[in-house]
Amino acid sequence: MTRREAAEFYRRLAEANPHPETELESVNVYTLLVAVVLSAQATDAGVNRATRALFAAVDTPAAMVALGEEGLKRHIRTIGLFNTKAKNVIALSEALIARHGGAVPRDRAALEALPGVGRKTANVVLNVAFGEETFAVDTHIFRVGNRTGLARGKTVLAVEKKLDSITPAPFRVHAHHWLILHGRYVCKARRPECWRCIEHDLCAFRPKTPAPATRAAA
């Protein structure tokens, strides 16, 4: 995809959804970090169901440490890999208290040094909480980037770097959300809904998926 086409790609997403937001629920920066850690290999909806009661009672690192690993497990046992995630959340909460006075740092290296926090999680927190121009490439963005031709790459990092290089300045802050939502609701993994896609003519994917009525008639 050319730079001009990429700019038009984003312009359409912006026109359709001027103020995109994360679908992960949180009450502050700390609970956002926890929610993102819990969301690995899980759906946002599933995480939200588990964390609503949790975040109503626990919204600081100190409160999380006081809750303890077993207490946390009782809240998140419906989330995949909950044993490992509970261990990491308690450990990162302890690290935030010890290293950062209980605050979530606005620094990639400091974030990635926390237990259970990798590059994607750091990118989400930097973007959502602090408005940084980061590209957190999850399975949806990886698929959209490669399928449409917007940002092709064999690895997550390659797609991230391509997005960083091709995304125009006016769209950089919201690009992460637009691409995730597009992949989640339109450019789906098994059956992309090409017939209702606003990027239909810009997308490199072939053959396009026909509308359901067209498929039935055929």
N, C-alpha and C. Protein backbone atom coordinates (compact mmCIF):
# COMPACT_ATOMS: atom_id res chain seq x y z
N MET A 1 0.84 -1.19 0.00
CA MET A 1 0.00 0.00 0.00
C MET A 1 0.88 1.25 0.00
N THR A 2 0.57 2.20 -0.85
CA THR A 2 1.35 3.43 -0.92
C THR A 2 1.04 4.33 0.27
N ARG A 3 1.87 5.33 0.47
CA ARG A 3 1.64 6.27 1.56
C ARG A 3 0.33 7.04 1.36
N ARG A 4 0.04 7.38 0.12
CA ARG A 4 -1.21 8.09 -0.15
C ARG A 4 -2.41 7.20 0.16
N GLU A 5 -2.32 5.93 -0.22
CA GLU A 5 -3.40 5.00 0.08
C GLU A 5 -3.54 4.77 1.59
N ALA A 6 -2.41 4.70 2.28
CA ALA A 6 -2.44 4.52 3.74
C ALA A 6 -3.12 5.71 4.41
N ALA A 7 -2.82 6.91 3.95
CA ALA A 7 -3.46 8.10 4.51
C ALA A 7 -4.97 8.06 4.30
N GLU A 8 -5.40 7.62 3.12
CA GLU A 8 -6.83 7.51 2.84
C GLU A 8 -7.45 6.39 3.68
N PHE A 9 -6.72 5.32 3.88
CA PHE A 9 -7.17 4.20 4.72
C PHE A 9 -7.52 4.71 6.12
N TYR A 10 -6.60 5.46 6.70
CA TYR A 10 -6.82 5.99 8.05
C TYR A 10 -7.90 7.07 8.06
N ARG A 11 -7.95 7.89 7.00
CA ARG A 11 -8.95 8.96 6.95
C ARG A 11 -10.35 8.37 7.04
N ARG A 12 -10.56 7.26 6.37
CA ARG A 12 -11.88 6.61 6.40
C ARG A 12 -12.19 6.06 7.78
N LEU A 13 -11.20 5.45 8.42
CA LEU A 13 -11.41 4.94 9.78
C LEU A 13 -11.73 6.08 10.73
N ALA A 14 -11.03 7.20 10.57
CA ALA A 14 -11.26 8.36 11.44
C ALA A 14 -12.64 8.96 11.21
N GLU A 15 -13.06 9.00 9.98
CA GLU A 15 -14.38 9.55 9.66
C GLU A 15 -15.48 8.68 10.26
N ALA A 16 -15.29 7.37 10.21
CA ALA A 16 -16.30 6.45 10.73
C ALA A 16 -16.32 6.41 12.25
N ASN A 17 -15.19 6.65 12.88
CA ASN A 17 -15.08 6.57 14.35
C ASN A 17 -14.06 7.60 14.82
N PRO A 18 -14.47 8.86 14.97
CA PRO A 18 -13.52 9.94 15.29
C PRO A 18 -12.81 9.79 16.63
N HIS A 19 -13.46 9.13 17.59
CA HIS A 19 -12.88 9.04 18.94
C HIS A 19 -12.88 7.59 19.43
N PRO A 20 -12.04 6.75 18.85
CA PRO A 20 -12.01 5.34 19.26
C PRO A 20 -11.43 5.18 20.66
N GLU A 21 -11.92 4.18 21.37
CA GLU A 21 -11.44 3.93 22.72
C GLU A 21 -11.19 2.44 22.92
N THR A 22 -10.32 2.13 23.88
CA THR A 22 -10.09 0.73 24.21
C THR A 22 -11.36 0.12 24.78
N GLU A 23 -11.56 -1.15 24.53
CA GLU A 23 -12.72 -1.84 25.08
C GLU A 23 -12.41 -2.50 26.42
N LEU A 24 -11.16 -2.46 26.84
CA LEU A 24 -10.81 -2.94 28.17
C LEU A 24 -11.25 -1.91 29.20
N GLU A 25 -11.92 -2.35 30.24
CA GLU A 25 -12.41 -1.45 31.28
C GLU A 25 -11.36 -1.29 32.37
N SER A 26 -11.22 -0.05 32.86
CA SER A 26 -10.29 0.25 33.95
C SER A 26 -10.76 1.51 34.65
N VAL A 27 -10.20 1.76 35.83
CA VAL A 27 -10.59 2.96 36.58
C VAL A 27 -9.44 3.94 36.74
N ASN A 28 -8.23 3.50 36.44
CA ASN A 28 -7.06 4.38 36.50
C ASN A 28 -5.92 3.71 35.72
N VAL A 29 -4.76 4.34 35.73
CA VAL A 29 -3.64 3.81 34.95
C VAL A 29 -3.20 2.45 35.47
N TYR A 30 -3.19 2.29 36.78
CA TYR A 30 -2.77 1.01 37.35
C TYR A 30 -3.70 -0.12 36.92
N THR A 31 -5.00 0.09 37.03
CA THR A 31 -5.93 -0.98 36.65
C THR A 31 -5.91 -1.22 35.14
N LEU A 32 -5.59 -0.20 34.36
CA LEU A 32 -5.40 -0.42 32.93
C LEU A 32 -4.24 -1.38 32.70
N LEU A 33 -3.13 -1.15 33.38
CA LEU A 33 -1.97 -2.03 33.25
C LEU A 33 -2.34 -3.46 33.62
N VAL A 34 -3.04 -3.62 34.72
CA VAL A 34 -3.46 -4.96 35.15
C VAL A 34 -4.37 -5.60 34.11
N ALA A 35 -5.32 -4.84 33.60
CA ALA A 35 -6.26 -5.37 32.60
C ALA A 35 -5.54 -5.83 31.34
N VAL A 36 -4.55 -5.06 30.92
CA VAL A 36 -3.81 -5.43 29.71
C VAL A 36 -3.00 -6.71 29.94
N VAL A 37 -2.39 -6.83 31.10
CA VAL A 37 -1.66 -8.05 31.44
C VAL A 37 -2.60 -9.26 31.43
N LEU A 38 -3.79 -9.07 31.98
CA LEU A 38 -4.76 -10.17 32.03
C LEU A 38 -5.32 -10.52 30.66
N SER A 39 -5.26 -9.57 29.72
CA SER A 39 -5.90 -9.78 28.42
C SER A 39 -5.09 -10.65 27.46
N ALA A 40 -3.86 -10.97 27.81
CA ALA A 40 -3.04 -11.82 26.94
C ALA A 40 -3.74 -13.16 26.71
N GLN A 41 -3.92 -13.52 25.44
CA GLN A 41 -4.59 -14.77 25.06
C GLN A 41 -5.99 -14.89 25.68
N ALA A 42 -6.66 -13.74 25.81
CA ALA A 42 -8.03 -13.71 26.33
C ALA A 42 -8.77 -12.59 25.61
N THR A 43 -10.08 -12.61 25.69
CA THR A 43 -10.86 -11.54 25.06
C THR A 43 -11.06 -10.39 26.02
N ASP A 44 -11.21 -9.19 25.48
CA ASP A 44 -11.48 -8.03 26.32
C ASP A 44 -12.77 -8.23 27.11
N ALA A 45 -13.79 -8.79 26.46
CA ALA A 45 -15.07 -9.01 27.12
C ALA A 45 -14.91 -9.95 28.32
N GLY A 46 -14.14 -11.00 28.14
CA GLY A 46 -13.91 -11.94 29.23
C GLY A 46 -13.15 -11.31 30.38
N VAL A 47 -12.16 -10.50 30.06
CA VAL A 47 -11.40 -9.79 31.10
C VAL A 47 -12.30 -8.82 31.84
N ASN A 48 -13.12 -8.08 31.11
CA ASN A 48 -14.01 -7.10 31.74
C ASN A 48 -14.97 -7.76 32.72
N ARG A 49 -15.50 -8.91 32.36
CA ARG A 49 -16.43 -9.61 33.26
C ARG A 49 -15.74 -9.98 34.57
N ALA A 50 -14.47 -10.32 34.48
CA ALA A 50 -13.73 -10.73 35.68
C ALA A 50 -13.26 -9.55 36.52
N THR A 51 -12.96 -8.43 35.86
CA THR A 51 -12.32 -7.32 36.59
C THR A 51 -13.28 -6.28 37.15
N ARG A 52 -14.54 -6.31 36.76
CA ARG A 52 -15.46 -5.28 37.27
C ARG A 52 -15.54 -5.30 38.79
N ALA A 53 -15.76 -6.48 39.35
CA ALA A 53 -15.81 -6.59 40.80
C ALA A 53 -14.44 -6.38 41.42
N LEU A 54 -13.40 -6.88 40.75
CA LEU A 54 -12.04 -6.73 41.25
C LEU A 54 -11.65 -5.27 41.38
N PHE A 55 -11.85 -4.50 40.31
CA PHE A 55 -11.41 -3.10 40.31
C PHE A 55 -12.29 -2.21 41.20
N ALA A 56 -13.50 -2.67 41.49
CA ALA A 56 -14.35 -1.92 42.42
C ALA A 56 -13.78 -1.99 43.84
N ALA A 57 -13.04 -3.06 44.11
CA ALA A 57 -12.48 -3.26 45.45
C ALA A 57 -10.99 -2.99 45.51
N VAL A 58 -10.29 -3.18 44.38
CA VAL A 58 -8.82 -3.09 44.36
C VAL A 58 -8.40 -2.22 43.19
N ASP A 59 -7.85 -1.04 43.48
CA ASP A 59 -7.44 -0.15 42.39
C ASP A 59 -6.07 0.49 42.60
N THR A 60 -5.27 -0.08 43.51
CA THR A 60 -3.90 0.39 43.73
C THR A 60 -2.98 -0.82 43.89
N PRO A 61 -1.69 -0.64 43.65
CA PRO A 61 -0.76 -1.75 43.87
C PRO A 61 -0.78 -2.26 45.31
N ALA A 62 -0.88 -1.34 46.27
CA ALA A 62 -0.88 -1.76 47.68
C ALA A 62 -2.10 -2.62 47.99
N ALA A 63 -3.25 -2.23 47.46
CA ALA A 63 -4.46 -3.02 47.70
C ALA A 63 -4.36 -4.38 47.04
N MET A 64 -3.71 -4.44 45.88
CA MET A 64 -3.56 -5.72 45.19
C MET A 64 -2.63 -6.64 45.97
N VAL A 65 -1.55 -6.10 46.49
CA VAL A 65 -0.62 -6.91 47.29
C VAL A 65 -1.34 -7.42 48.54
N ALA A 66 -2.17 -6.56 49.14
CA ALA A 66 -2.92 -6.98 50.32
C ALA A 66 -3.92 -8.08 49.98
N LEU A 67 -4.52 -8.01 48.79
CA LEU A 67 -5.45 -9.06 48.36
C LEU A 67 -4.74 -10.39 48.25
N GLY A 68 -3.53 -10.36 47.72
CA GLY A 68 -2.73 -11.57 47.61
C GLY A 68 -3.05 -12.41 46.39
N GLU A 69 -2.14 -13.32 46.10
CA GLU A 69 -2.26 -14.14 44.90
C GLU A 69 -3.51 -15.01 44.91
N GLU A 70 -3.80 -15.65 46.01
CA GLU A 70 -4.97 -16.53 46.07
C GLU A 70 -6.26 -15.73 45.98
N GLY A 71 -6.28 -14.57 46.62
CA GLY A 71 -7.46 -13.71 46.53
C GLY A 71 -7.70 -13.23 45.12
N LEU A 72 -6.62 -12.89 44.43
CA LEU A 72 -6.73 -12.44 43.04
C LEU A 72 -7.23 -13.57 42.15
N LYS A 73 -6.74 -14.77 42.39
CA LYS A 73 -7.17 -15.92 41.58
C LYS A 73 -8.68 -16.12 41.65
N ARG A 74 -9.26 -15.86 42.80
CA ARG A 74 -10.71 -16.05 42.93
C ARG A 74 -11.48 -15.10 42.01
N HIS A 75 -10.89 -13.95 41.74
CA HIS A 75 -11.54 -12.97 40.85
C HIS A 75 -11.34 -13.30 39.38
N ILE A 76 -10.19 -13.88 39.03
CA ILE A 76 -9.83 -13.98 37.61
C ILE A 76 -9.77 -15.42 37.10
N ARG A 77 -10.33 -16.36 37.83
CA ARG A 77 -10.19 -17.77 37.45
C ARG A 77 -10.90 -18.09 36.14
N THR A 78 -11.79 -17.22 35.66
CA THR A 78 -12.44 -17.45 34.36
C THR A 78 -11.56 -17.03 33.19
N ILE A 79 -10.43 -16.39 33.47
CA ILE A 79 -9.52 -15.93 32.43
C ILE A 79 -8.44 -16.99 32.20
N GLY A 80 -8.10 -17.23 30.95
CA GLY A 80 -7.07 -18.21 30.64
C GLY A 80 -5.73 -17.87 31.28
N LEU A 81 -5.01 -18.91 31.69
CA LEU A 81 -3.69 -18.76 32.31
C LEU A 81 -3.75 -17.94 33.60
N PHE A 82 -4.86 -18.05 34.34
CA PHE A 82 -5.06 -17.18 35.50
C PHE A 82 -4.03 -17.41 36.60
N ASN A 83 -3.49 -18.61 36.73
CA ASN A 83 -2.49 -18.85 37.77
C ASN A 83 -1.23 -18.03 37.52
N THR A 84 -0.71 -18.10 36.30
CA THR A 84 0.48 -17.33 35.95
C THR A 84 0.21 -15.84 36.00
N LYS A 85 -0.95 -15.44 35.51
CA LYS A 85 -1.28 -14.01 35.49
C LYS A 85 -1.42 -13.45 36.90
N ALA A 86 -2.01 -14.22 37.80
CA ALA A 86 -2.13 -13.76 39.19
C ALA A 86 -0.76 -13.55 39.81
N LYS A 87 0.13 -14.49 39.56
CA LYS A 87 1.50 -14.37 40.08
C LYS A 87 2.17 -13.12 39.55
N ASN A 88 2.02 -12.86 38.24
CA ASN A 88 2.65 -11.69 37.63
C ASN A 88 2.04 -10.38 38.14
N VAL A 89 0.73 -10.34 38.30
CA VAL A 89 0.08 -9.11 38.76
C VAL A 89 0.53 -8.76 40.18
N ILE A 90 0.62 -9.74 41.04
CA ILE A 90 1.11 -9.47 42.40
C ILE A 90 2.56 -9.01 42.35
N ALA A 91 3.38 -9.68 41.54
CA ALA A 91 4.80 -9.31 41.43
C ALA A 91 4.98 -7.92 40.83
N LEU A 92 4.20 -7.58 39.80
CA LEU A 92 4.37 -6.24 39.21
C LEU A 92 3.86 -5.17 40.18
N SER A 93 2.85 -5.50 40.98
CA SER A 93 2.35 -4.55 41.97
C SER A 93 3.42 -4.28 43.03
N GLU A 94 4.08 -5.33 43.47
CA GLU A 94 5.18 -5.17 44.43
C GLU A 94 6.31 -4.35 43.82
N ALA A 95 6.60 -4.59 42.54
CA ALA A 95 7.67 -3.86 41.86
C ALA A 95 7.31 -2.38 41.71
N LEU A 96 6.05 -2.08 41.42
CA LEU A 96 5.63 -0.68 41.30
C LEU A 96 5.83 0.06 42.62
N ILE A 97 5.50 -0.61 43.71
CA ILE A 97 5.68 0.00 45.03
C ILE A 97 7.16 0.21 45.34
N ALA A 98 7.96 -0.81 45.08
CA ALA A 98 9.39 -0.75 45.42
C ALA A 98 10.17 0.20 44.53
N ARG A 99 9.84 0.25 43.23
CA ARG A 99 10.65 1.02 42.28
C ARG A 99 10.07 2.38 41.91
N HIS A 100 8.74 2.51 42.00
CA HIS A 100 8.12 3.72 41.46
C HIS A 100 7.12 4.37 42.40
N GLY A 101 7.22 4.05 43.68
CA GLY A 101 6.33 4.67 44.65
C GLY A 101 4.86 4.36 44.42
N GLY A 102 4.58 3.24 43.77
CA GLY A 102 3.21 2.84 43.52
C GLY A 102 2.60 3.39 42.25
N ALA A 103 3.36 4.21 41.52
CA ALA A 103 2.86 4.81 40.28
C ALA A 103 3.29 3.99 39.07
N VAL A 104 2.50 4.04 38.01
CA VAL A 104 2.86 3.37 36.76
C VAL A 104 3.77 4.31 35.98
N PRO A 105 4.98 3.88 35.63
CA PRO A 105 5.93 4.77 34.95
C PRO A 105 5.55 5.04 33.50
N ARG A 106 5.87 6.25 33.05
CA ARG A 106 5.66 6.60 31.64
C ARG A 106 6.98 6.41 30.90
N ASP A 107 7.44 5.19 30.89
CA ASP A 107 8.74 4.88 30.32
C ASP A 107 8.73 3.43 29.85
N ARG A 108 9.06 3.21 28.59
CA ARG A 108 8.99 1.86 28.04
C ARG A 108 9.90 0.88 28.79
N ALA A 109 11.13 1.26 29.01
CA ALA A 109 12.07 0.34 29.65
C ALA A 109 11.60 -0.03 31.05
N ALA A 110 11.10 0.96 31.78
CA ALA A 110 10.62 0.70 33.14
C ALA A 110 9.38 -0.20 33.12
N LEU A 111 8.50 0.02 32.16
CA LEU A 111 7.31 -0.83 32.05
C LEU A 111 7.69 -2.26 31.70
N GLU A 112 8.57 -2.42 30.72
CA GLU A 112 8.94 -3.76 30.28
C GLU A 112 9.78 -4.50 31.32
N ALA A 113 10.29 -3.79 32.31
CA ALA A 113 11.03 -4.43 33.39
C ALA A 113 10.10 -5.03 34.44
N LEU A 114 8.80 -4.72 34.35
CA LEU A 114 7.84 -5.24 35.31
C LEU A 114 7.47 -6.68 34.95
N PRO A 115 7.25 -7.54 35.95
CA PRO A 115 6.86 -8.93 35.68
C PRO A 115 5.59 -9.01 34.84
N GLY A 116 5.62 -9.84 33.80
CA GLY A 116 4.44 -10.04 32.97
C GLY A 116 4.17 -8.97 31.95
N VAL A 117 5.05 -7.98 31.85
CA VAL A 117 4.84 -6.86 30.92
C VAL A 117 5.84 -6.96 29.77
N GLY A 118 5.33 -7.15 28.57
CA GLY A 118 6.17 -7.17 27.38
C GLY A 118 5.98 -5.93 26.54
N ARG A 119 6.49 -5.95 25.35
CA ARG A 119 6.45 -4.78 24.47
C ARG A 119 5.01 -4.37 24.13
N LYS A 120 4.16 -5.35 23.82
CA LYS A 120 2.79 -5.02 23.44
C LYS A 120 2.04 -4.37 24.60
N THR A 121 2.17 -4.93 25.80
CA THR A 121 1.51 -4.36 26.97
C THR A 121 2.00 -2.95 27.24
N ALA A 122 3.31 -2.75 27.15
CA ALA A 122 3.87 -1.41 27.35
C ALA A 122 3.32 -0.44 26.31
N ASN A 123 3.22 -0.88 25.07
CA ASN A 123 2.69 -0.03 24.01
C ASN A 123 1.25 0.39 24.29
N VAL A 124 0.44 -0.55 24.75
CA VAL A 124 -0.96 -0.22 25.06
C VAL A 124 -1.04 0.82 26.17
N VAL A 125 -0.30 0.61 27.24
CA VAL A 125 -0.33 1.54 28.38
C VAL A 125 0.18 2.91 27.96
N LEU A 126 1.26 2.95 27.23
CA LEU A 126 1.81 4.24 26.79
C LEU A 126 0.83 4.98 25.89
N ASN A 127 0.11 4.24 25.06
CA ASN A 127 -0.85 4.87 24.15
C ASN A 127 -2.12 5.29 24.86
N VAL A 128 -2.75 4.37 25.57
CA VAL A 128 -4.05 4.63 26.17
C VAL A 128 -3.95 5.57 27.37
N ALA A 129 -2.99 5.34 28.24
CA ALA A 129 -2.89 6.13 29.46
C ALA A 129 -2.17 7.45 29.26
N PHE A 130 -1.17 7.46 28.38
CA PHE A 130 -0.31 8.64 28.27
C PHE A 130 -0.34 9.32 26.90
N GLY A 131 -1.12 8.78 25.97
CA GLY A 131 -1.26 9.42 24.67
C GLY A 131 -0.04 9.33 23.78
N GLU A 132 0.82 8.35 24.05
CA GLU A 132 2.02 8.19 23.23
C GLU A 132 1.64 7.56 21.87
N GLU A 133 2.41 7.88 20.85
CA GLU A 133 2.16 7.34 19.51
C GLU A 133 2.82 5.98 19.38
N THR A 134 2.17 4.97 19.93
CA THR A 134 2.71 3.61 19.88
C THR A 134 1.75 2.70 19.12
N PHE A 135 2.27 1.57 18.66
CA PHE A 135 1.49 0.63 17.86
C PHE A 135 1.58 -0.75 18.52
N ALA A 136 0.60 -1.06 19.33
CA ALA A 136 0.58 -2.35 20.03
C ALA A 136 -0.02 -3.39 19.10
N VAL A 137 0.82 -4.20 18.50
CA VAL A 137 0.36 -5.16 17.49
C VAL A 137 -0.12 -6.45 18.15
N ASP A 138 -1.42 -6.64 18.13
CA ASP A 138 -2.00 -7.90 18.61
C ASP A 138 -2.39 -8.74 17.40
N THR A 139 -3.12 -9.81 17.63
CA THR A 139 -3.49 -10.70 16.53
C THR A 139 -4.36 -10.00 15.49
N HIS A 140 -5.22 -9.07 15.94
CA HIS A 140 -6.09 -8.34 15.01
C HIS A 140 -5.28 -7.41 14.12
N ILE A 141 -4.39 -6.64 14.72
CA ILE A 141 -3.60 -5.69 13.94
C ILE A 141 -2.63 -6.42 13.02
N PHE A 142 -2.07 -7.51 13.49
CA PHE A 142 -1.17 -8.30 12.64
C PHE A 142 -1.91 -8.79 11.40
N ARG A 143 -3.13 -9.27 11.61
CA ARG A 143 -3.94 -9.76 10.50
C ARG A 143 -4.33 -8.63 9.55
N VAL A 144 -4.83 -7.53 10.08
CA VAL A 144 -5.26 -6.41 9.24
C VAL A 144 -4.08 -5.84 8.45
N GLY A 145 -2.94 -5.69 9.11
CA GLY A 145 -1.77 -5.15 8.43
C GLY A 145 -1.34 -5.99 7.25
N ASN A 146 -1.31 -7.30 7.46
CA ASN A 146 -0.88 -8.21 6.39
C ASN A 146 -1.95 -8.43 5.33
N ARG A 147 -3.18 -8.59 5.76
CA ARG A 147 -4.26 -8.89 4.81
C ARG A 147 -4.53 -7.71 3.88
N THR A 148 -4.60 -6.52 4.43
CA THR A 148 -4.93 -5.34 3.61
C THR A 148 -3.76 -4.85 2.79
N GLY A 149 -2.53 -5.15 3.27
CA GLY A 149 -1.34 -4.60 2.63
C GLY A 149 -0.88 -3.31 3.26
N LEU A 150 -1.56 -2.86 4.32
CA LEU A 150 -1.18 -1.63 5.00
C LEU A 150 0.20 -1.76 5.63
N ALA A 151 0.44 -2.89 6.28
CA ALA A 151 1.72 -3.09 6.98
C ALA A 151 2.04 -4.58 7.00
N ARG A 152 2.69 -5.04 5.98
CA ARG A 152 3.01 -6.46 5.90
C ARG A 152 4.30 -6.76 6.67
N GLY A 153 4.32 -7.91 7.31
CA GLY A 153 5.50 -8.33 8.04
C GLY A 153 5.32 -9.74 8.56
N LYS A 154 6.42 -10.46 8.70
CA LYS A 154 6.35 -11.84 9.16
C LYS A 154 6.33 -11.94 10.68
N THR A 155 6.69 -10.86 11.35
CA THR A 155 6.70 -10.85 12.80
C THR A 155 5.91 -9.65 13.31
N VAL A 156 5.53 -9.72 14.58
CA VAL A 156 4.82 -8.61 15.21
C VAL A 156 5.65 -7.33 15.16
N LEU A 157 6.94 -7.46 15.44
CA LEU A 157 7.81 -6.28 15.44
C LEU A 157 7.93 -5.68 14.05
N ALA A 158 7.97 -6.53 13.03
CA ALA A 158 8.07 -6.03 11.65
C ALA A 158 6.82 -5.24 11.28
N VAL A 159 5.65 -5.74 11.67
CA VAL A 159 4.41 -5.02 11.40
C VAL A 159 4.38 -3.71 12.17
N GLU A 160 4.82 -3.74 13.42
CA GLU A 160 4.87 -2.51 14.22
C GLU A 160 5.75 -1.45 13.56
N LYS A 161 6.91 -1.86 13.11
CA LYS A 161 7.83 -0.91 12.48
C LYS A 161 7.26 -0.35 11.18
N LYS A 162 6.57 -1.20 10.42
CA LYS A 162 5.95 -0.73 9.19
C LYS A 162 4.85 0.28 9.48
N LEU A 163 4.03 -0.01 10.48
CA LEU A 163 2.98 0.93 10.87
C LEU A 163 3.57 2.26 11.32
N ASP A 164 4.65 2.17 12.06
CA ASP A 164 5.32 3.38 12.54
C ASP A 164 5.82 4.23 11.38
N SER A 165 6.25 3.58 10.31
CA SER A 165 6.82 4.32 9.19
C SER A 165 5.78 4.84 8.22
N ILE A 166 4.61 4.18 8.15
CA ILE A 166 3.64 4.54 7.11
C ILE A 166 2.43 5.32 7.65
N THR A 167 2.25 5.36 8.96
CA THR A 167 1.07 6.04 9.52
C THR A 167 1.29 7.54 9.60
N PRO A 168 0.46 8.34 8.93
CA PRO A 168 0.62 9.80 8.93
C PRO A 168 0.41 10.40 10.32
N ALA A 169 1.03 11.52 10.57
CA ALA A 169 1.00 12.18 11.88
C ALA A 169 -0.41 12.37 12.45
N PRO A 170 -1.38 12.84 11.67
CA PRO A 170 -2.70 13.10 12.27
C PRO A 170 -3.41 11.86 12.80
N PHE A 171 -2.96 10.69 12.41
CA PHE A 171 -3.67 9.46 12.76
C PHE A 171 -2.91 8.56 13.73
N ARG A 172 -1.74 8.96 14.16
CA ARG A 172 -0.86 8.06 14.90
C ARG A 172 -1.38 7.71 16.29
N VAL A 173 -1.96 8.65 16.99
CA VAL A 173 -2.41 8.38 18.35
C VAL A 173 -3.53 7.36 18.38
N HIS A 174 -4.46 7.44 17.43
CA HIS A 174 -5.62 6.55 17.43
C HIS A 174 -5.47 5.32 16.54
N ALA A 175 -4.37 5.22 15.80
CA ALA A 175 -4.21 4.12 14.84
C ALA A 175 -4.39 2.75 15.49
N HIS A 176 -3.81 2.57 16.65
CA HIS A 176 -3.90 1.30 17.37
C HIS A 176 -5.35 0.86 17.55
N HIS A 177 -6.18 1.78 18.05
CA HIS A 177 -7.58 1.44 18.31
C HIS A 177 -8.36 1.20 17.02
N TRP A 178 -8.16 2.05 16.03
CA TRP A 178 -8.88 1.86 14.77
C TRP A 178 -8.61 0.49 14.16
N LEU A 179 -7.35 0.10 14.16
CA LEU A 179 -6.98 -1.17 13.52
C LEU A 179 -7.49 -2.37 14.31
N ILE A 180 -7.42 -2.30 15.62
CA ILE A 180 -7.95 -3.39 16.45
C ILE A 180 -9.46 -3.55 16.22
N LEU A 181 -10.18 -2.45 16.28
CA LEU A 181 -11.63 -2.51 16.12
C LEU A 181 -12.02 -2.98 14.72
N HIS A 182 -11.26 -2.55 13.73
CA HIS A 182 -11.53 -2.98 12.36
C HIS A 182 -11.32 -4.49 12.24
N GLY A 183 -10.26 -5.00 12.85
CA GLY A 183 -10.00 -6.43 12.81
C GLY A 183 -10.99 -7.24 13.62
N ARG A 184 -11.45 -6.68 14.71
CA ARG A 184 -12.36 -7.40 15.59
C ARG A 184 -13.78 -7.50 15.01
N TYR A 185 -14.23 -6.46 14.34
CA TYR A 185 -15.63 -6.41 13.92
C TYR A 185 -15.87 -6.48 12.41
N VAL A 186 -14.86 -6.21 11.60
CA VAL A 186 -15.05 -6.23 10.15
C VAL A 186 -14.08 -7.20 9.48
N CYS A 187 -12.80 -6.97 9.65
CA CYS A 187 -11.78 -7.80 8.99
C CYS A 187 -11.48 -9.02 9.87
N LYS A 188 -12.49 -9.84 10.07
CA LYS A 188 -12.42 -10.96 11.00
C LYS A 188 -11.51 -12.07 10.48
N ALA A 189 -11.04 -12.89 11.39
CA ALA A 189 -10.05 -13.91 11.03
C ALA A 189 -10.61 -14.93 10.04
N ARG A 190 -11.73 -15.53 10.36
CA ARG A 190 -12.23 -16.64 9.55
C ARG A 190 -13.00 -16.17 8.32
N ARG A 191 -13.76 -15.12 8.47
CA ARG A 191 -14.58 -14.64 7.35
C ARG A 191 -14.64 -13.12 7.38
N PRO A 192 -13.69 -12.46 6.75
CA PRO A 192 -13.72 -11.00 6.72
C PRO A 192 -14.98 -10.51 6.03
N GLU A 193 -15.61 -9.49 6.59
CA GLU A 193 -16.87 -8.99 6.05
C GLU A 193 -16.61 -7.89 5.02
N CYS A 194 -16.01 -8.33 3.92
CA CYS A 194 -15.58 -7.40 2.87
C CYS A 194 -16.73 -6.59 2.29
N TRP A 195 -17.91 -7.18 2.24
CA TRP A 195 -19.05 -6.53 1.60
C TRP A 195 -19.48 -5.24 2.32
N ARG A 196 -19.09 -5.08 3.58
CA ARG A 196 -19.46 -3.86 4.30
C ARG A 196 -18.24 -3.06 4.76
N CYS A 197 -17.10 -3.38 4.20
CA CYS A 197 -15.85 -2.75 4.61
C CYS A 197 -15.63 -1.42 3.89
N ILE A 198 -15.32 -0.38 4.65
CA ILE A 198 -15.10 0.95 4.06
C ILE A 198 -13.75 1.02 3.34
N GLU A 199 -12.91 0.01 3.54
CA GLU A 199 -11.59 -0.02 2.89
C GLU A 199 -11.58 -0.96 1.68
N HIS A 200 -12.73 -1.36 1.23
CA HIS A 200 -12.89 -2.39 0.20
C HIS A 200 -11.97 -2.19 -1.00
N ASP A 201 -11.94 -0.98 -1.53
CA ASP A 201 -11.17 -0.73 -2.76
C ASP A 201 -9.68 -0.54 -2.51
N LEU A 202 -9.30 -0.26 -1.27
CA LEU A 202 -7.88 -0.06 -0.94
C LEU A 202 -7.21 -1.36 -0.51
N CYS A 203 -8.00 -2.32 -0.10
CA CYS A 203 -7.48 -3.56 0.48
C CYS A 203 -6.96 -4.52 -0.58
N ALA A 204 -5.83 -5.15 -0.28
CA ALA A 204 -5.20 -6.07 -1.22
C ALA A 204 -5.78 -7.48 -1.16
N PHE A 205 -6.65 -7.74 -0.19
CA PHE A 205 -7.17 -9.10 0.00
C PHE A 205 -8.03 -9.55 -1.19
N ARG A 206 -7.76 -10.74 -1.68
CA ARG A 206 -8.53 -11.34 -2.77
C ARG A 206 -8.69 -12.84 -2.51
N PRO A 207 -9.83 -13.42 -2.90
CA PRO A 207 -11.03 -12.73 -3.39
C PRO A 207 -11.82 -12.13 -2.24
N LYS A 208 -12.55 -11.07 -2.49
CA LYS A 208 -13.36 -10.44 -1.46
C LYS A 208 -14.49 -11.39 -1.03
N THR A 209 -14.83 -11.34 0.24
CA THR A 209 -15.94 -12.14 0.73
C THR A 209 -17.25 -11.49 0.31
N PRO A 210 -18.12 -12.21 -0.39
CA PRO A 210 -19.40 -11.62 -0.82
C PRO A 210 -20.38 -11.51 0.34
N ALA A 211 -21.39 -10.70 0.16
CA ALA A 211 -22.43 -10.54 1.18
C ALA A 211 -23.16 -11.86 1.38
N PRO A 212 -23.71 -12.11 2.58
CA PRO A 212 -24.38 -13.38 2.86
C PRO A 212 -25.46 -13.74 1.85
N ALA A 213 -26.26 -12.77 1.43
CA ALA A 213 -27.34 -13.05 0.48
C ALA A 213 -26.77 -13.53 -0.85
N THR A 214 -25.66 -12.94 -1.24
CA THR A 214 -25.00 -13.32 -2.49
C THR A 214 -24.49 -14.75 -2.41
N ARG A 215 -23.92 -15.10 -1.26
CA ARG A 215 -23.42 -16.47 -1.07
C ARG A 215 -24.56 -17.47 -1.13
N ALA A 216 -25.71 -17.10 -0.49
CA ALA A 216 -26.84 -18.01 -0.46
C ALA A 216 -27.42 -18.23 -1.85
N ALA A 217 -27.49 -17.13 -2.62
CA ALA A 217 -28.04 -17.21 -3.97
C ALA A 217 -27.17 -18.07 -4.87
N ALA A 218 -25.85 -18.00 -4.65
CA ALA A 218 -24.92 -18.77 -5.47
C ALA A 218 -25.06 -20.26 -5.17
